[in-house]
C-alpha atoms as a PDB file:
ATOM      1  CA  MET A   1     107.814  65.651   7.064  1.00  0.00           C
ATOM      2  CA  LEU A   2     105.796  68.567   5.760  1.00  0.00           C
ATOM      3  CA  SER A   3     106.289  71.914   7.466  1.00  0.00           C
ATOM      4  CA  GLN A   4     103.400  74.104   8.604  1.00  0.00           C
ATOM      5  CA  SER A   5     104.044  76.519   5.728  1.00  0.00           C
ATOM      6  CA  GLN A   6     103.978  73.642   3.216  1.00  0.00           C
ATOM      7  CA  ILE A   7     100.693  72.373   4.640  1.00  0.00           C
ATOM      8  CA  LYS A   8      99.193  75.842   4.426  1.00  0.00           C
ATOM      9  CA  ARG A   9     100.338  76.300   0.818  1.00  0.00           C
ATOM     10  CA  LEU A  10      99.043  72.911  -0.290  1.00  0.00           C
ATOM     11  CA  LYS A  11      95.696  73.491   1.411  1.00  0.00           C
ATOM     12  CA  SER A  12      95.389  76.851  -0.394  1.00  0.00           C
ATOM     13  CA  LEU A  13      95.314  75.018  -3.757  1.00  0.00           C
ATOM     14  CA  HIS A  14      91.651  74.215  -3.119  1.00  0.00           C
ATOM     15  CA  GLN A  15      90.960  77.874  -3.968  1.00  0.00           C
ATOM     16  CA  LYS A  16      90.966  79.000  -7.582  1.00  0.00           C
ATOM     17  CA  LYS A  17      92.929  82.215  -6.988  1.00  0.00           C
ATOM     18  CA  PHE A  18      95.775  80.316  -5.333  1.00  0.00           C
ATOM     19  CA  ARG A  19      95.761  77.614  -8.032  1.00  0.00           C
ATOM     20  CA  GLN A  20      96.229  80.339 -10.607  1.00  0.00           C
ATOM     21  CA  GLN A  21      98.775  82.158  -8.473  1.00  0.00           C
ATOM     22  CA  GLU A  22     100.869  79.040  -7.820  1.00  0.00           C
ATOM     23  CA  GLY A  23     100.213  77.455 -11.223  1.00  0.00           C
ATOM     24  CA  GLU A  24      99.498  74.124  -9.547  1.00  0.00           C
ATOM     25  CA  ILE A  25      96.671  71.765  -8.670  1.00  0.00           C
ATOM     26  CA  LEU A  26      96.291  69.190  -5.915  1.00  0.00           C
ATOM     27  CA  LEU A  27      95.413  65.566  -6.650  1.00  0.00           C
ATOM     28  CA  GLU A  28      93.863  63.457  -3.890  1.00  0.00           C
ATOM     29  CA  GLY A  29      93.860  59.671  -3.880  1.00  0.00           C
ATOM     30  CA  CYS A  30      95.760  56.836  -5.510  1.00  0.00           C
ATOM     31  CA  ARG A  31      93.501  56.269  -8.533  1.00  0.00           C
ATOM     32  CA  LEU A  32      93.572  59.914  -9.593  1.00  0.00           C
ATOM     33  CA  ILE A  33      97.353  60.056  -9.242  1.00  0.00           C
ATOM     34  CA  LEU A  34      97.741  56.814 -11.207  1.00  0.00           C
ATOM     35  CA  GLN A  35      95.556  58.212 -13.994  1.00  0.00           C
ATOM     36  CA  ALA A  36      97.754  61.291 -14.159  1.00  0.00           C
ATOM     37  CA  LEU A  37     100.913  59.170 -14.315  1.00  0.00           C
ATOM     38  CA  THR A  38      99.442  56.870 -16.969  1.00  0.00           C
ATOM     39  CA  ALA A  39      98.511  59.867 -19.109  1.00  0.00           C
ATOM     40  CA  GLY A  40     102.057  61.232 -18.840  1.00  0.00           C
ATOM     41  CA  ALA A  41     101.206  64.224 -16.664  1.00  0.00           C
ATOM     42  CA  HIS A  42     104.133  65.919 -14.941  1.00  0.00           C
ATOM     43  CA  ILE A  43     103.811  65.366 -11.192  1.00  0.00           C
ATOM     44  CA  LYS A  44     106.094  67.524  -9.084  1.00  0.00           C
ATOM     45  CA  MET A  45     105.717  65.889  -5.701  1.00  0.00           C
ATOM     46  CA  VAL A  46     103.776  63.192  -3.893  1.00  0.00           C
ATOM     47  CA  CYS A  47     103.054  63.177  -0.147  1.00  0.00           C
ATOM     48  CA  MET A  48     101.960  59.991   1.588  1.00  0.00           C
ATOM     49  CA  THR A  49     101.512  58.707   5.095  1.00  0.00           C
ATOM     50  CA  VAL A  50     103.686  55.895   6.457  1.00  0.00           C
ATOM     51  CA  ASP A  51     100.656  53.584   6.579  1.00  0.00           C
ATOM     52  CA  TYR A  52      99.820  54.219   2.938  1.00  0.00           C
ATOM     53  CA  ALA A  53     103.469  53.808   1.863  1.00  0.00           C
ATOM     54  CA  GLU A  54     103.515  50.366   3.499  1.00  0.00           C
ATOM     55  CA  SER A  55     100.250  49.208   1.903  1.00  0.00           C
ATOM     56  CA  ILE A  56     100.217  47.025  -1.241  1.00  0.00           C
ATOM     57  CA  SER A  57      99.072  49.844  -3.508  1.00  0.00           C
ATOM     58  CA  GLY A  58     101.440  52.243  -1.746  1.00  0.00           C
ATOM     59  CA  ARG A  59     104.481  50.067  -2.418  1.00  0.00           C
ATOM     60  CA  LYS A  60     103.532  49.692  -6.087  1.00  0.00           C
ATOM     61  CA  LEU A  61     102.939  53.401  -6.521  1.00  0.00           C
ATOM     62  CA  LYS A  62     106.128  54.295  -4.674  1.00  0.00           C
ATOM     63  CA  GLN A  63     108.141  52.097  -7.039  1.00  0.00           C
ATOM     64  CA  MET A  64     106.528  53.789 -10.037  1.00  0.00           C
ATOM     65  CA  LEU A  65     107.273  57.242  -8.626  1.00  0.00           C
ATOM     66  CA  GLU A  66     110.889  56.345  -7.889  1.00  0.00           C
ATOM     67  CA  GLU A  67     111.361  55.073 -11.452  1.00  0.00           C
ATOM     68  CA  LYS A  68     110.150  58.453 -12.686  1.00  0.00           C
ATOM     69  CA  ASN A  69     112.346  60.339 -10.192  1.00  0.00           C
ATOM     70  CA  ILE A  70     109.318  62.036  -8.621  1.00  0.00           C
ATOM     71  CA  LEU A  71     109.888  63.555  -5.186  1.00  0.00           C
ATOM     72  CA  ILE A  72     108.174  61.611  -2.388  1.00  0.00           C
ATOM     73  CA  GLU A  73     107.524  63.294   0.957  1.00  0.00           C
ATOM     74  CA  THR A  74     106.307  61.607   4.136  1.00  0.00           C
ATOM     75  CA  ALA A  75     103.396  63.290   5.867  1.00  0.00           C
ATOM     76  CA  SER A  76     101.496  62.565   9.040  1.00  0.00           C
ATOM     77  CA  GLU A  77      97.863  61.492   8.862  1.00  0.00           C
ATOM     78  CA  LYS A  78      96.906  64.736  10.574  1.00  0.00           C
ATOM     79  CA  ALA A  79      98.756  66.785   7.948  1.00  0.00           C
ATOM     80  CA  ILE A  80      97.035  64.954   5.070  1.00  0.00           C
ATOM     81  CA  GLU A  81      93.669  65.465   6.763  1.00  0.00           C
ATOM     82  CA  ARG A  82      94.351  69.200   7.040  1.00  0.00           C
ATOM     83  CA  ILE A  83      95.311  69.453   3.369  1.00  0.00           C
ATOM     84  CA  CYS A  84      92.527  67.335   1.845  1.00  0.00           C
ATOM     85  CA  ASP A  85      88.982  68.601   1.483  1.00  0.00           C
ATOM     86  CA  SER A  86      87.522  65.123   0.985  1.00  0.00           C
ATOM     87  CA  GLN A  87      85.992  63.492   4.075  1.00  0.00           C
ATOM     88  CA  ASN A  88      87.764  60.163   3.609  1.00  0.00           C
ATOM     89  CA  ASN A  89      91.239  60.760   2.279  1.00  0.00           C
ATOM     90  CA  GLN A  90      93.441  57.826   1.261  1.00  0.00           C
ATOM     91  CA  GLY A  91      96.634  59.085   2.849  1.00  0.00           C
ATOM     92  CA  ILE A  92      98.182  60.287  -0.375  1.00  0.00           C
ATOM     93  CA  ILE A  93      98.195  63.540  -2.368  1.00  0.00           C
ATOM     94  CA  ALA A  94     100.184  64.902  -5.300  1.00  0.00           C
ATOM     95  CA  VAL A  95     101.032  68.302  -6.728  1.00  0.00           C
ATOM     96  CA  MET A  96     101.276  68.994 -10.447  1.00  0.00           C
ATOM     97  CA  PRO A  97     101.271  72.033 -12.737  1.00  0.00           C
ATOM     98  CA  LEU A  98      97.971  73.335 -14.079  1.00  0.00           C
ATOM     99  CA  PRO A  99      97.017  71.180 -17.073  1.00  0.00           C
ATOM    100  CA  GLU A 100      97.541  72.874 -20.420  1.00  0.00           C
ATOM    101  CA  TYR A 101      94.875  72.481 -23.086  1.00  0.00           C
ATOM    102  CA  GLU A 102      95.023  73.226 -26.778  1.00  0.00           C
ATOM    103  CA  PRO A 103      93.283  76.371 -28.035  1.00  0.00           C
ATOM    104  CA  MET A 104      90.618  75.574 -30.611  1.00  0.00           C
ATOM    105  CA  LYS A 105      92.181  75.768 -34.074  1.00  0.00           C
ATOM    106  CA  ASP A 106      90.066  73.279 -35.990  1.00  0.00           C
ATOM    107  CA  ILE A 107      86.493  72.461 -35.017  1.00  0.00           C
ATOM    108  CA  PRO A 108      86.330  69.076 -33.258  1.00  0.00           C
ATOM    109  CA  ARG A 109      84.103  66.599 -35.051  1.00  0.00           C
ATOM    110  CA  TYR A 110      82.284  65.672 -31.854  1.00  0.00           C
ATOM    111  CA  SER A 111      82.265  67.833 -28.753  1.00  0.00           C
ATOM    112  CA  LEU A 112      80.362  68.949 -25.669  1.00  0.00           C
ATOM    113  CA  TYR A 113      79.317  72.406 -24.468  1.00  0.00           C
ATOM    114  CA  LEU A 114      78.409  72.870 -20.789  1.00  0.00           C
ATOM    115  CA  ASP A 115      76.234  75.898 -20.144  1.00  0.00           C
ATOM    116  CA  ASP A 116      76.428  77.191 -16.548  1.00  0.00           C
ATOM    117  CA  ILE A 117      76.968  73.797 -14.905  1.00  0.00           C
ATOM    118  CA  SER A 118      77.482  74.796 -11.278  1.00  0.00           C
ATOM    119  CA  ASP A 119      77.763  71.557  -9.296  1.00  0.00           C
ATOM    120  CA  PRO A 120      81.338  70.204  -9.081  1.00  0.00           C
ATOM    121  CA  GLY A 121      80.126  66.601  -8.897  1.00  0.00           C
ATOM    122  CA  ASN A 122      78.085  67.012 -12.073  1.00  0.00           C
ATOM    123  CA  MET A 123      80.949  68.748 -13.844  1.00  0.00           C
ATOM    124  CA  GLY A 124      83.404  66.001 -12.945  1.00  0.00           C
ATOM    125  CA  THR A 125      81.003  63.224 -13.918  1.00  0.00           C
ATOM    126  CA  LEU A 126      80.302  64.882 -17.270  1.00  0.00           C
ATOM    127  CA  LEU A 127      84.015  65.195 -18.032  1.00  0.00           C
ATOM    128  CA  ARG A 128      84.533  61.543 -17.103  1.00  0.00           C
ATOM    129  CA  THR A 129      81.563  60.504 -19.248  1.00  0.00           C
ATOM    130  CA  ALA A 130      82.772  62.568 -22.218  1.00  0.00           C
ATOM    131  CA  ALA A 131      86.203  60.940 -22.057  1.00  0.00           C
ATOM    132  CA  TRP A 132      84.583  57.485 -21.802  1.00  0.00           C
ATOM    133  CA  PHE A 133      82.687  58.049 -25.045  1.00  0.00           C
ATOM    134  CA  GLY A 134      85.739  59.402 -26.863  1.00  0.00           C
ATOM    135  CA  ILE A 135      84.847  63.097 -26.658  1.00  0.00           C
ATOM    136  CA  ASP A 136      88.133  64.933 -26.169  1.00  0.00           C
ATOM    137  CA  SER A 137      86.909  68.531 -26.521  1.00  0.00           C
ATOM    138  CA  VAL A 138      84.687  70.102 -23.868  1.00  0.00           C
ATOM    139  CA  PHE A 139      83.770  73.788 -23.944  1.00  0.00           C
ATOM    140  CA  LEU A 140      82.398  75.747 -21.012  1.00  0.00           C
ATOM    141  CA  SER A 141      80.390  78.895 -20.455  1.00  0.00           C
ATOM    142  CA  SER A 142      82.047  81.517 -18.269  1.00  0.00           C
ATOM    143  CA  ASN A 143      79.671  80.810 -15.356  1.00  0.00           C
ATOM    144  CA  CYS A 144      80.496  77.114 -15.039  1.00  0.00           C
ATOM    145  CA  VAL A 145      82.198  75.863 -11.893  1.00  0.00           C
ATOM    146  CA  ASP A 146      85.985  75.891 -12.236  1.00  0.00           C
ATOM    147  CA  PRO A 147      86.852  72.576 -13.942  1.00  0.00           C
ATOM    148  CA  LEU A 148      90.007  72.358 -11.780  1.00  0.00           C
ATOM    149  CA  ASN A 149      87.999  72.560  -8.559  1.00  0.00           C
ATOM    150  CA  SER A 150      89.162  69.787  -6.183  1.00  0.00           C
ATOM    151  CA  LYS A 151      85.797  68.019  -6.186  1.00  0.00           C
ATOM    152  CA  VAL A 152      85.623  68.221  -9.982  1.00  0.00           C
ATOM    153  CA  LEU A 153      89.063  66.608 -10.213  1.00  0.00           C
ATOM    154  CA  ARG A 154      88.024  63.769  -7.907  1.00  0.00           C
ATOM    155  CA  SER A 155      84.689  63.208  -9.663  1.00  0.00           C
ATOM    156  CA  ALA A 156      86.306  63.212 -13.112  1.00  0.00           C
ATOM    157  CA  MET A 157      88.689  60.416 -12.049  1.00  0.00           C
ATOM    158  CA  GLY A 158      91.478  61.424 -14.428  1.00  0.00           C
ATOM    159  CA  ALA A 159      89.376  62.584 -17.382  1.00  0.00           C
ATOM    160  CA  HIS A 160      91.233  65.915 -17.308  1.00  0.00           C
ATOM    161  CA  PHE A 161      94.346  64.118 -18.548  1.00  0.00           C
ATOM    162  CA  HIS A 162      92.576  62.641 -21.586  1.00  0.00           C
ATOM    163  CA  LEU A 163      91.030  65.837 -22.953  1.00  0.00           C
ATOM    164  CA  LYS A 164      92.608  67.949 -25.679  1.00  0.00           C
ATOM    165  CA  SER A 165      90.417  70.992 -25.071  1.00  0.00           C
ATOM    166  CA  LEU A 166      88.773  72.129 -21.845  1.00  0.00           C
ATOM    167  CA  ILE A 167      88.253  75.847 -22.209  1.00  0.00           C
ATOM    168  CA  ALA A 168      85.724  78.582 -21.455  1.00  0.00           C
ATOM    169  CA  ILE A 169      84.550  80.257 -24.641  1.00  0.00           C
ATOM    170  CA  SER A 170      81.848  82.651 -25.805  1.00  0.00           C
ATOM    171  CA  PRO A 171      78.897  80.668 -27.216  1.00  0.00           C
ATOM    172  CA  ASP A 172      78.464  83.182 -30.043  1.00  0.00           C
ATOM    173  CA  ASP A 173      82.049  82.688 -31.204  1.00  0.00           C
ATOM    174  CA  LEU A 174      81.891  78.921 -30.805  1.00  0.00           C
ATOM    175  CA  PHE A 175      78.553  78.223 -32.447  1.00  0.00           C
ATOM    176  CA  GLU A 176      79.205  80.568 -35.361  1.00  0.00           C
ATOM    177  CA  LYS A 177      82.107  78.300 -36.300  1.00  0.00           C
ATOM    178  CA  TYR A 178      79.921  75.197 -35.994  1.00  0.00           C
ATOM    179  CA  THR A 179      77.150  76.768 -38.079  1.00  0.00           C
ATOM    180  CA  ASN A 180      79.582  77.805 -40.816  1.00  0.00           C
ATOM    181  CA  ALA A 181      81.022  74.289 -40.878  1.00  0.00           C
ATOM    182  CA  GLY A 182      77.547  72.767 -41.263  1.00  0.00           C
ATOM    183  CA  TYR A 183      77.789  70.787 -38.011  1.00  0.00           C
ATOM    184  CA  ALA A 184      74.655  69.979 -36.018  1.00  0.00           C
ATOM    185  CA  ILE A 185      74.191  71.963 -32.812  1.00  0.00           C
ATOM    186  CA  LEU A 186      72.237  69.695 -30.474  1.00  0.00           C
ATOM    187  CA  GLY A 187      70.543  70.913 -27.325  1.00  0.00           C
ATOM    188  CA  SER A 188      69.196  68.847 -24.456  1.00  0.00           C
ATOM    189  CA  ASP A 189      65.622  70.008 -23.880  1.00  0.00           C
ATOM    190  CA  MET A 190      62.585  68.536 -22.096  1.00  0.00           C
ATOM    191  CA  ASN A 191      60.464  69.430 -25.140  1.00  0.00           C
ATOM    192  CA  GLY A 192      62.903  68.149 -27.740  1.00  0.00           C
ATOM    193  CA  GLU A 193      62.508  65.172 -30.042  1.00  0.00           C
ATOM    194  CA  SER A 194      63.584  61.650 -29.204  1.00  0.00           C
ATOM    195  CA  LEU A 195      67.115  60.745 -30.185  1.00  0.00           C
ATOM    196  CA  GLN A 196      65.713  57.788 -32.158  1.00  0.00           C
ATOM    197  CA  ASN A 197      63.809  60.228 -34.393  1.00  0.00           C
ATOM    198  CA  LEU A 198      66.805  62.440 -35.118  1.00  0.00           C
ATOM    199  CA  GLN A 199      67.151  62.638 -38.893  1.00  0.00           C
ATOM    200  CA  ILE A 200      70.735  63.768 -39.381  1.00  0.00           C
ATOM    201  CA  ASP A 201      74.031  62.157 -40.340  1.00  0.00           C
ATOM    202  CA  LEU A 202      75.818  62.083 -36.980  1.00  0.00           C
ATOM    203  CA  ASP A 203      79.104  61.159 -38.627  1.00  0.00           C
ATOM    204  CA  LYS A 204      79.301  64.629 -40.199  1.00  0.00           C
ATOM    205  CA  GLY A 205      79.910  66.239 -36.827  1.00  0.00           C
ATOM    206  CA  TRP A 206      78.001  67.719 -33.887  1.00  0.00           C
ATOM    207  CA  ILE A 207      78.244  69.505 -30.581  1.00  0.00           C
ATOM    208  CA  LEU A 208      75.926  68.632 -27.687  1.00  0.00           C
ATOM    209  CA  ILE A 209      74.802  71.383 -25.298  1.00  0.00           C
ATOM    210  CA  LEU A 210      73.849  70.561 -21.713  1.00  0.00           C
ATOM    211  CA  GLY A 211      72.268  73.353 -19.700  1.00  0.00           C
ATOM    212  CA  SER A 212      72.447  74.269 -16.036  1.00  0.00           C
ATOM    213  CA  GLU A 213      70.958  72.032 -13.356  1.00  0.00           C
ATOM    214  CA  ALA A 214      68.275  74.566 -12.379  1.00  0.00           C
ATOM    215  CA  GLN A 215      67.482  76.584 -15.509  1.00  0.00           C
ATOM    216  CA  GLY A 216      68.550  74.470 -18.482  1.00  0.00           C
ATOM    217  CA  MET A 217      70.005  76.266 -21.475  1.00  0.00           C
ATOM    218  CA  ARG A 218      70.062  80.027 -21.513  1.00  0.00           C
ATOM    219  CA  ASP A 219      67.996  81.626 -24.282  1.00  0.00           C
ATOM    220  CA  SER A 220      71.137  83.130 -25.806  1.00  0.00           C
ATOM    221  CA  VAL A 221      72.541  79.600 -26.185  1.00  0.00           C
ATOM    222  CA  ARG A 222      69.233  78.018 -27.209  1.00  0.00           C
ATOM    223  CA  SER A 223      69.042  80.366 -30.194  1.00  0.00           C
ATOM    224  CA  HIS A 224      71.979  78.521 -31.792  1.00  0.00           C
ATOM    225  CA  VAL A 225      70.464  75.032 -31.482  1.00  0.00           C
ATOM    226  CA  THR A 226      69.602  73.266 -34.739  1.00  0.00           C
ATOM    227  CA  HIS A 227      68.054  70.162 -33.121  1.00  0.00           C
ATOM    228  CA  SER A 228      66.536  69.788 -29.643  1.00  0.00           C
ATOM    229  CA  LEU A 229      66.811  66.381 -27.978  1.00  0.00           C
ATOM    230  CA  SER A 230      64.862  64.846 -25.114  1.00  0.00           C
ATOM    231  CA  ILE A 231      65.008  61.553 -23.218  1.00  0.00           C
ATOM    232  CA  SER A 232      61.789  59.591 -22.872  1.00  0.00           C
ATOM    233  CA  GLY A 233      60.788  58.721 -19.327  1.00  0.00           C
ATOM    234  CA  TYR A 234      58.100  56.431 -17.938  1.00  0.00           C
ATOM    235  CA  GLY A 235      57.919  57.440 -14.304  1.00  0.00           C
ATOM    236  CA  ASN A 236      56.655  60.500 -12.486  1.00  0.00           C
ATOM    237  CA  MET A 237      59.932  62.316 -11.893  1.00  0.00           C
ATOM    238  CA  GLU A 238      60.161  65.889 -13.129  1.00  0.00           C
ATOM    239  CA  SER A 239      63.590  65.586 -14.719  1.00  0.00           C
ATOM    240  CA  LEU A 240      66.913  63.750 -14.883  1.00  0.00           C
ATOM    241  CA  ASN A 241      70.165  64.807 -13.274  1.00  0.00           C
ATOM    242  CA  VAL A 242      72.205  66.629 -15.930  1.00  0.00           C
ATOM    243  CA  ALA A 243      75.137  64.214 -15.636  1.00  0.00           C
ATOM    244  CA  VAL A 244      72.838  61.210 -16.102  1.00  0.00           C
ATOM    245  CA  ALA A 245      71.124  62.882 -19.057  1.00  0.00           C
ATOM    246  CA  GLY A 246      74.496  63.692 -20.582  1.00  0.00           C
ATOM    247  CA  GLY A 247      75.594  60.077 -20.325  1.00  0.00           C
ATOM    248  CA  ILE A 248      72.420  58.774 -21.997  1.00  0.00           C
ATOM    249  CA  LEU A 249      72.634  61.298 -24.830  1.00  0.00           C
ATOM    250  CA  LEU A 250      76.348  60.790 -25.432  1.00  0.00           C
ATOM    251  CA  HIS A 251      75.823  57.040 -25.638  1.00  0.00           C
ATOM    252  CA  GLY A 252      72.995  57.513 -28.119  1.00  0.00           C
ATOM    253  CA  LEU A 253      75.048  59.908 -30.235  1.00  0.00           C
ATOM    254  CA  THR A 254      78.295  57.955 -30.290  1.00  0.00           C
ATOM    255  CA  GLU A 255      77.006  54.379 -30.616  1.00  0.00           C
ATOM    256  CA  PRO A 256      75.896  54.713 -34.289  1.00  0.00           C
ATOM    257  CA  ILE A 257      79.273  56.255 -35.115  1.00  0.00           C
ATOM    258  CA  ARG A 258      81.111  53.427 -33.359  1.00  0.00           C
ATOM    259  CA  LEU A 259      79.070  50.817 -35.210  1.00  0.00           C
ATOM    260  CA  LEU A 260      79.698  52.551 -38.535  1.00  0.00           C
ATOM    261  CA  GLN A 261      83.430  52.672 -37.908  1.00  0.00           C
ATOM    262  CA  THR A 262      83.394  48.987 -36.929  1.00  0.00           C
ATOM    263  CA  GLU A 263      81.630  48.084 -40.207  1.00  0.00           C
ATOM    264  CA  LYS A 264      84.223  50.016 -42.218  1.00  0.00           C
ATOM    265  CA  LYS A 265      86.990  47.925 -40.675  1.00  0.00           C
END
C-alpha cells in the first residue's frame, strides 16, 4: 500500500515545479496508460485499487504490465482519490519520466503553432486533433498552458506519445525559418479567406497558427502570417471554440494532401 509520503509526492506532480523537480508526470486512467504503453513510453510504476485490479480491463492491463516488468502497487480508493485531480478517477494511475521531444533540426512539412492557448482542455484537444491528422510537430508560445498539465494529459488522450516535437519557441525564430524555406504561414482569423479559396500548393508545406481563446493571435505573431483563414458560419454565434476551429482547419488542410498521396499510390 502507498505510504503517506508517497501519496504526497504523487499528488505534487500536478504542479509544474514539482514535475520539473522530480522529472516525472502522473497519468490518470486506463486508456491514457494503455496509450503510453502502446507508444513504448517508459512507465516506472502503476498504482491501482483492488476493485480495479479485479475488473476485466484491470486483469488485462495487469498482465501487460507484468510482461513488461513494470512495478504494480496496490492503493486504497481513498489514496487514489487524494492523488487524482479528476472528479471521477478510474482507480488507476501511473508514473513515468517527463516525455522527451526532439529539438527542431529540420522544418516539419506540416505543423501547428499555438499562440497563448490558456485552457488545458483546449490544449489537450488540439494536441489530440493534431495527432489524429498526422501532425507530429506542435510549437507553443511561452504563455501557453503547460502541455504536461494533468488536465492537458487527460484531454489529449495519449497524443503526447505520438508527437515528435512539442516545444515552446520564439515566434520570430520559428517563422523566420518557415519564411526562408518558402512554406506558407497560415493564421486562423475571423476576417480571413475561406479555406476553399486558398490558392497555394499545400503539399509544399505549411504551419497553422491558432490564437488564444480570448484575444486571437498577437500582433507580433500576425505579422508573420502569409495567408489568413476563416471558417464560414451560418448561425448567430460570435465565434467558434479554438479547439473546434483547429479541428475543422486541420481537416481542410490535410484532406487534399491525403487524397493526393492516395492517388500517387
